């Protein structure tokens, strides 16, 4: 299953909704640590989605076309629109964090173990 279909099937809304800071803070005990975890996960999601999109669009790339030969490809446009409709990676990461779907650990826990 592609990342696009997986993220769309999760049901994360594409629009921004307010979240309880207390709920986010309670996950780690520190709001800044929680936001750092969400930011790192959002970056991972963004990179993977971007790679997938570029791989799909590379199928349509033709390096021998001249300006006169370039034409509209409806399938390529639909793929681009589908990715534009996806929720922002930060929204996806926040939802994953609140649903306890992100594994994280503290570095200091490993140092003293």
N, C-alpha and C. Protein backbone atom coordinates (compact mmCIF):
# COMPACT_ATOMS: atom_id res chain seq x y z
N UNK A 1 0.85 -1.18 0.00
CA UNK A 1 0.00 0.00 0.00
C UNK A 1 0.89 1.24 0.00
N UNK A 2 0.62 2.18 -0.86
CA UNK A 2 1.44 3.37 -0.93
C UNK A 2 1.21 4.25 0.30
N UNK A 3 2.19 5.09 0.55
CA UNK A 3 2.09 6.00 1.70
C UNK A 3 0.90 6.94 1.55
N UNK A 4 0.59 7.32 0.32
CA UNK A 4 -0.54 8.20 0.07
C UNK A 4 -1.83 7.54 0.52
N UNK A 5 -2.07 6.31 0.09
CA UNK A 5 -3.30 5.63 0.47
C UNK A 5 -3.35 5.36 1.96
N UNK A 6 -2.20 5.02 2.55
CA UNK A 6 -2.15 4.72 3.97
C UNK A 6 -2.50 5.96 4.78
N UNK A 7 -1.95 7.11 4.42
CA UNK A 7 -2.23 8.34 5.16
C UNK A 7 -3.65 8.82 4.95
N UNK A 8 -4.18 8.61 3.75
CA UNK A 8 -5.56 9.02 3.51
C UNK A 8 -6.55 8.11 4.22
N UNK A 9 -6.17 6.83 4.39
CA UNK A 9 -7.08 5.90 5.04
C UNK A 9 -7.08 6.06 6.56
N UNK A 10 -6.07 6.70 7.11
CA UNK A 10 -5.98 6.90 8.55
C UNK A 10 -7.11 7.81 9.04
N UNK A 11 -7.52 8.74 8.20
CA UNK A 11 -8.62 9.62 8.56
C UNK A 11 -8.17 10.90 9.23
N UNK A 12 -6.90 11.23 9.12
CA UNK A 12 -6.41 12.48 9.68
C UNK A 12 -6.97 13.63 8.85
N UNK A 13 -7.60 14.59 9.49
CA UNK A 13 -8.18 15.71 8.72
C UNK A 13 -7.08 16.55 8.07
N UNK A 14 -7.39 17.11 6.91
CA UNK A 14 -6.43 17.93 6.18
C UNK A 14 -6.33 19.34 6.75
N UNK A 15 -7.30 19.72 7.55
CA UNK A 15 -7.27 21.06 8.13
C UNK A 15 -6.74 21.00 9.55
N UNK A 16 -6.25 22.12 10.01
CA UNK A 16 -5.66 22.21 11.34
C UNK A 16 -6.76 22.24 12.40
N UNK A 17 -6.59 21.42 13.42
CA UNK A 17 -7.51 21.42 14.56
C UNK A 17 -6.69 21.71 15.82
N UNK A 18 -7.28 22.39 16.76
CA UNK A 18 -6.56 22.67 18.00
C UNK A 18 -6.38 21.39 18.79
N UNK A 19 -5.23 21.27 19.42
CA UNK A 19 -4.92 20.12 20.25
C UNK A 19 -4.66 20.60 21.66
N UNK A 20 -4.90 19.76 22.62
CA UNK A 20 -4.68 20.09 24.01
C UNK A 20 -3.18 20.03 24.31
N UNK A 21 -2.62 21.16 24.71
CA UNK A 21 -1.21 21.18 25.06
C UNK A 21 -0.92 20.29 26.26
N UNK A 22 -1.87 20.22 27.16
CA UNK A 22 -1.70 19.39 28.34
C UNK A 22 -1.59 17.91 27.95
N UNK A 23 -2.41 17.49 26.99
CA UNK A 23 -2.36 16.11 26.52
C UNK A 23 -1.02 15.82 25.84
N UNK A 24 -0.54 16.76 25.04
CA UNK A 24 0.75 16.59 24.37
C UNK A 24 1.87 16.54 25.41
N UNK A 25 1.81 17.42 26.39
CA UNK A 25 2.84 17.48 27.44
C UNK A 25 2.84 16.21 28.28
N UNK A 26 1.68 15.66 28.57
CA UNK A 26 1.58 14.49 29.44
C UNK A 26 2.24 13.25 28.84
N UNK A 27 2.41 13.20 27.54
CA UNK A 27 3.03 12.04 26.90
C UNK A 27 4.48 11.86 27.33
N UNK A 28 5.21 12.97 27.49
CA UNK A 28 6.63 12.91 27.84
C UNK A 28 6.95 13.62 29.15
N UNK A 29 6.04 14.47 29.59
CA UNK A 29 6.31 15.26 30.79
C UNK A 29 6.91 16.62 30.49
N UNK A 30 7.21 16.87 29.21
CA UNK A 30 7.82 18.13 28.82
C UNK A 30 7.27 18.51 27.44
N UNK A 31 6.67 19.68 27.33
CA UNK A 31 6.05 20.11 26.07
C UNK A 31 7.09 20.24 24.96
N UNK A 32 8.29 20.72 25.29
CA UNK A 32 9.32 20.92 24.27
C UNK A 32 9.84 19.58 23.75
N UNK A 33 9.96 18.61 24.63
CA UNK A 33 10.38 17.28 24.21
C UNK A 33 9.33 16.65 23.30
N UNK A 34 8.07 16.80 23.66
CA UNK A 34 6.98 16.27 22.83
C UNK A 34 6.98 16.90 21.45
N UNK A 35 7.15 18.21 21.39
CA UNK A 35 7.15 18.91 20.11
C UNK A 35 8.37 18.49 19.28
N UNK A 36 9.49 18.27 19.93
CA UNK A 36 10.69 17.81 19.23
C UNK A 36 10.46 16.43 18.60
N UNK A 37 9.81 15.54 19.33
CA UNK A 37 9.50 14.21 18.80
C UNK A 37 8.57 14.32 17.60
N UNK A 38 7.54 15.14 17.71
CA UNK A 38 6.59 15.33 16.60
C UNK A 38 7.30 15.94 15.40
N UNK A 39 8.19 16.90 15.62
CA UNK A 39 8.90 17.55 14.52
C UNK A 39 9.81 16.56 13.79
N UNK A 40 10.49 15.71 14.54
CA UNK A 40 11.37 14.72 13.90
C UNK A 40 10.56 13.72 13.09
N UNK A 41 9.42 13.30 13.61
CA UNK A 41 8.56 12.37 12.89
C UNK A 41 7.97 13.04 11.65
N UNK A 42 7.58 14.30 11.76
CA UNK A 42 7.04 15.03 10.61
C UNK A 42 8.08 15.12 9.50
N UNK A 43 9.33 15.32 9.87
CA UNK A 43 10.40 15.38 8.89
C UNK A 43 10.56 14.02 8.19
N UNK A 44 10.48 12.92 8.94
CA UNK A 44 10.56 11.59 8.35
C UNK A 44 9.42 11.35 7.37
N UNK A 45 8.22 11.72 7.77
CA UNK A 45 7.04 11.55 6.90
C UNK A 45 7.21 12.38 5.63
N UNK A 46 7.64 13.62 5.78
CA UNK A 46 7.82 14.51 4.64
C UNK A 46 8.82 13.95 3.64
N UNK A 47 9.93 13.43 4.13
CA UNK A 47 10.96 12.87 3.25
C UNK A 47 10.43 11.65 2.51
N UNK A 48 9.73 10.77 3.21
CA UNK A 48 9.23 9.56 2.54
C UNK A 48 8.15 9.87 1.52
N UNK A 49 7.27 10.82 1.82
CA UNK A 49 6.23 11.20 0.87
C UNK A 49 6.85 11.87 -0.36
N UNK A 50 7.84 12.72 -0.12
CA UNK A 50 8.49 13.41 -1.22
C UNK A 50 9.20 12.41 -2.14
N UNK A 51 9.87 11.41 -1.56
CA UNK A 51 10.53 10.38 -2.37
C UNK A 51 9.52 9.60 -3.19
N UNK A 52 8.41 9.23 -2.57
CA UNK A 52 7.39 8.48 -3.28
C UNK A 52 6.80 9.29 -4.43
N UNK A 53 6.52 10.56 -4.19
CA UNK A 53 5.98 11.42 -5.24
C UNK A 53 6.96 11.56 -6.39
N UNK A 54 8.24 11.79 -6.08
CA UNK A 54 9.24 11.93 -7.14
C UNK A 54 9.39 10.64 -7.94
N UNK A 55 9.32 9.49 -7.26
CA UNK A 55 9.40 8.21 -7.98
C UNK A 55 8.23 8.04 -8.93
N UNK A 56 7.03 8.41 -8.48
CA UNK A 56 5.86 8.29 -9.35
C UNK A 56 5.93 9.25 -10.52
N UNK A 57 6.40 10.47 -10.28
CA UNK A 57 6.47 11.46 -11.35
C UNK A 57 7.61 11.18 -12.32
N UNK A 58 8.66 10.48 -11.85
CA UNK A 58 9.77 10.12 -12.74
C UNK A 58 9.32 9.16 -13.83
N UNK A 59 8.26 8.39 -13.57
CA UNK A 59 7.74 7.49 -14.59
C UNK A 59 7.26 8.26 -15.82
N UNK A 60 6.86 9.50 -15.61
CA UNK A 60 6.33 10.31 -16.71
C UNK A 60 7.41 11.16 -17.37
N UNK A 61 8.59 11.20 -16.76
CA UNK A 61 9.65 12.06 -17.28
C UNK A 61 10.18 11.51 -18.59
N UNK A 62 10.35 12.39 -19.50
CA UNK A 62 10.92 12.04 -20.79
C UNK A 62 11.98 13.09 -21.08
N UNK A 63 13.20 12.65 -21.16
CA UNK A 63 14.31 13.59 -21.28
C UNK A 63 14.61 13.98 -22.72
N UNK A 64 13.89 13.44 -23.65
CA UNK A 64 14.14 13.75 -25.06
C UNK A 64 13.14 14.74 -25.63
N UNK A 65 12.15 15.14 -24.84
CA UNK A 65 11.13 16.06 -25.34
C UNK A 65 11.70 17.46 -25.54
N UNK A 66 11.25 18.10 -26.59
CA UNK A 66 11.55 19.51 -26.77
C UNK A 66 10.35 20.29 -26.26
N UNK A 67 10.43 21.58 -26.24
CA UNK A 67 9.33 22.39 -25.75
C UNK A 67 8.05 22.16 -26.55
N UNK A 68 8.17 21.89 -27.84
CA UNK A 68 6.99 21.67 -28.66
C UNK A 68 6.33 20.32 -28.37
N UNK A 69 7.12 19.35 -27.87
CA UNK A 69 6.60 18.00 -27.65
C UNK A 69 5.98 17.81 -26.27
N UNK A 70 6.19 18.75 -25.38
CA UNK A 70 5.65 18.61 -24.03
C UNK A 70 4.15 18.85 -24.08
N UNK A 71 3.40 17.94 -23.48
CA UNK A 71 1.94 18.06 -23.46
C UNK A 71 1.43 17.72 -22.07
N UNK A 72 0.20 18.02 -21.84
CA UNK A 72 -0.43 17.75 -20.54
C UNK A 72 -0.64 16.26 -20.36
N UNK A 73 -0.28 15.77 -19.21
CA UNK A 73 -0.53 14.38 -18.89
C UNK A 73 -1.51 14.36 -17.73
N UNK A 74 -2.73 13.96 -18.00
CA UNK A 74 -3.80 14.02 -17.00
C UNK A 74 -3.50 13.13 -15.79
N UNK A 75 -2.90 11.97 -16.02
CA UNK A 75 -2.57 11.07 -14.91
C UNK A 75 -1.54 11.70 -13.97
N UNK A 76 -0.56 12.36 -14.55
CA UNK A 76 0.46 13.05 -13.76
C UNK A 76 -0.15 14.18 -12.94
N UNK A 77 -1.08 14.90 -13.51
CA UNK A 77 -1.76 15.99 -12.81
C UNK A 77 -2.59 15.44 -11.66
N UNK A 78 -3.27 14.31 -11.87
CA UNK A 78 -4.08 13.70 -10.81
C UNK A 78 -3.21 13.22 -9.65
N UNK A 79 -2.05 12.66 -9.95
CA UNK A 79 -1.13 12.23 -8.89
C UNK A 79 -0.69 13.43 -8.07
N UNK A 80 -0.33 14.50 -8.74
CA UNK A 80 0.11 15.71 -8.03
C UNK A 80 -1.01 16.28 -7.16
N UNK A 81 -2.22 16.30 -7.68
CA UNK A 81 -3.35 16.83 -6.90
C UNK A 81 -3.64 15.96 -5.68
N UNK A 82 -3.51 14.65 -5.83
CA UNK A 82 -3.75 13.75 -4.70
C UNK A 82 -2.75 14.02 -3.58
N UNK A 83 -1.50 14.27 -3.93
CA UNK A 83 -0.50 14.57 -2.91
C UNK A 83 -0.73 15.94 -2.29
N UNK A 84 -1.25 16.88 -3.06
CA UNK A 84 -1.55 18.21 -2.52
C UNK A 84 -2.71 18.15 -1.52
N UNK A 85 -3.64 17.22 -1.71
CA UNK A 85 -4.78 17.09 -0.80
C UNK A 85 -4.44 16.37 0.50
N UNK A 86 -3.28 15.74 0.53
CA UNK A 86 -2.88 15.01 1.74
C UNK A 86 -2.72 15.96 2.92
N UNK A 87 -2.94 15.45 4.12
CA UNK A 87 -2.70 16.28 5.30
C UNK A 87 -1.21 16.63 5.42
N UNK A 88 -0.94 17.74 6.01
CA UNK A 88 0.42 18.19 6.25
C UNK A 88 1.16 17.15 7.10
N UNK A 89 2.45 16.89 6.83
CA UNK A 89 3.20 15.92 7.64
C UNK A 89 3.20 16.24 9.14
N UNK A 90 3.15 17.50 9.50
CA UNK A 90 3.09 17.86 10.93
C UNK A 90 1.77 17.40 11.55
N UNK A 91 0.68 17.50 10.79
CA UNK A 91 -0.60 17.03 11.29
C UNK A 91 -0.60 15.51 11.45
N UNK A 92 -0.01 14.82 10.48
CA UNK A 92 0.07 13.37 10.55
C UNK A 92 0.92 12.93 11.75
N UNK A 93 2.06 13.60 11.94
CA UNK A 93 2.95 13.26 13.04
C UNK A 93 2.30 13.53 14.39
N UNK A 94 1.58 14.63 14.50
CA UNK A 94 0.90 14.95 15.76
C UNK A 94 -0.15 13.91 16.08
N UNK A 95 -0.90 13.49 15.07
CA UNK A 95 -1.93 12.47 15.28
C UNK A 95 -1.29 11.15 15.69
N UNK A 96 -0.21 10.77 15.05
CA UNK A 96 0.50 9.54 15.42
C UNK A 96 1.00 9.63 16.86
N UNK A 97 1.52 10.78 17.25
CA UNK A 97 2.04 10.97 18.60
C UNK A 97 0.92 10.82 19.63
N UNK A 98 -0.20 11.45 19.36
CA UNK A 98 -1.32 11.38 20.30
C UNK A 98 -1.94 9.99 20.36
N UNK A 99 -1.83 9.23 19.27
CA UNK A 99 -2.36 7.86 19.24
C UNK A 99 -1.34 6.83 19.70
N UNK A 100 -0.20 7.29 20.23
CA UNK A 100 0.88 6.42 20.71
C UNK A 100 1.41 5.48 19.62
N UNK A 101 1.54 5.99 18.41
CA UNK A 101 2.07 5.19 17.30
C UNK A 101 3.53 5.52 17.01
N UNK A 102 4.13 6.40 17.79
CA UNK A 102 5.53 6.78 17.60
C UNK A 102 6.35 6.19 18.74
N UNK A 103 7.42 5.47 18.38
CA UNK A 103 8.33 4.95 19.39
C UNK A 103 9.43 5.97 19.58
N UNK A 104 9.70 6.32 20.81
CA UNK A 104 10.79 7.24 21.13
C UNK A 104 11.41 6.81 22.44
N UNK A 105 12.65 7.22 22.63
CA UNK A 105 13.34 6.95 23.90
C UNK A 105 14.23 8.13 24.22
N UNK A 106 14.55 8.28 25.49
CA UNK A 106 15.41 9.36 25.93
C UNK A 106 16.86 8.89 25.92
N UNK A 107 17.75 9.75 25.47
CA UNK A 107 19.17 9.39 25.39
C UNK A 107 19.75 9.16 26.78
N UNK A 108 19.35 9.94 27.78
CA UNK A 108 19.91 9.78 29.12
C UNK A 108 19.50 8.46 29.77
N UNK A 109 18.40 7.86 29.33
CA UNK A 109 17.99 6.55 29.85
C UNK A 109 19.02 5.49 29.45
N UNK A 110 19.58 5.61 28.26
CA UNK A 110 20.56 4.64 27.81
C UNK A 110 21.90 4.83 28.50
N UNK A 111 22.25 6.06 28.84
CA UNK A 111 23.55 6.33 29.45
C UNK A 111 23.67 5.71 30.84
N UNK A 112 22.59 5.69 31.58
CA UNK A 112 22.65 5.21 32.96
C UNK A 112 22.13 3.78 33.12
N UNK A 113 21.76 3.14 32.05
CA UNK A 113 21.24 1.77 32.14
C UNK A 113 22.36 0.77 32.21
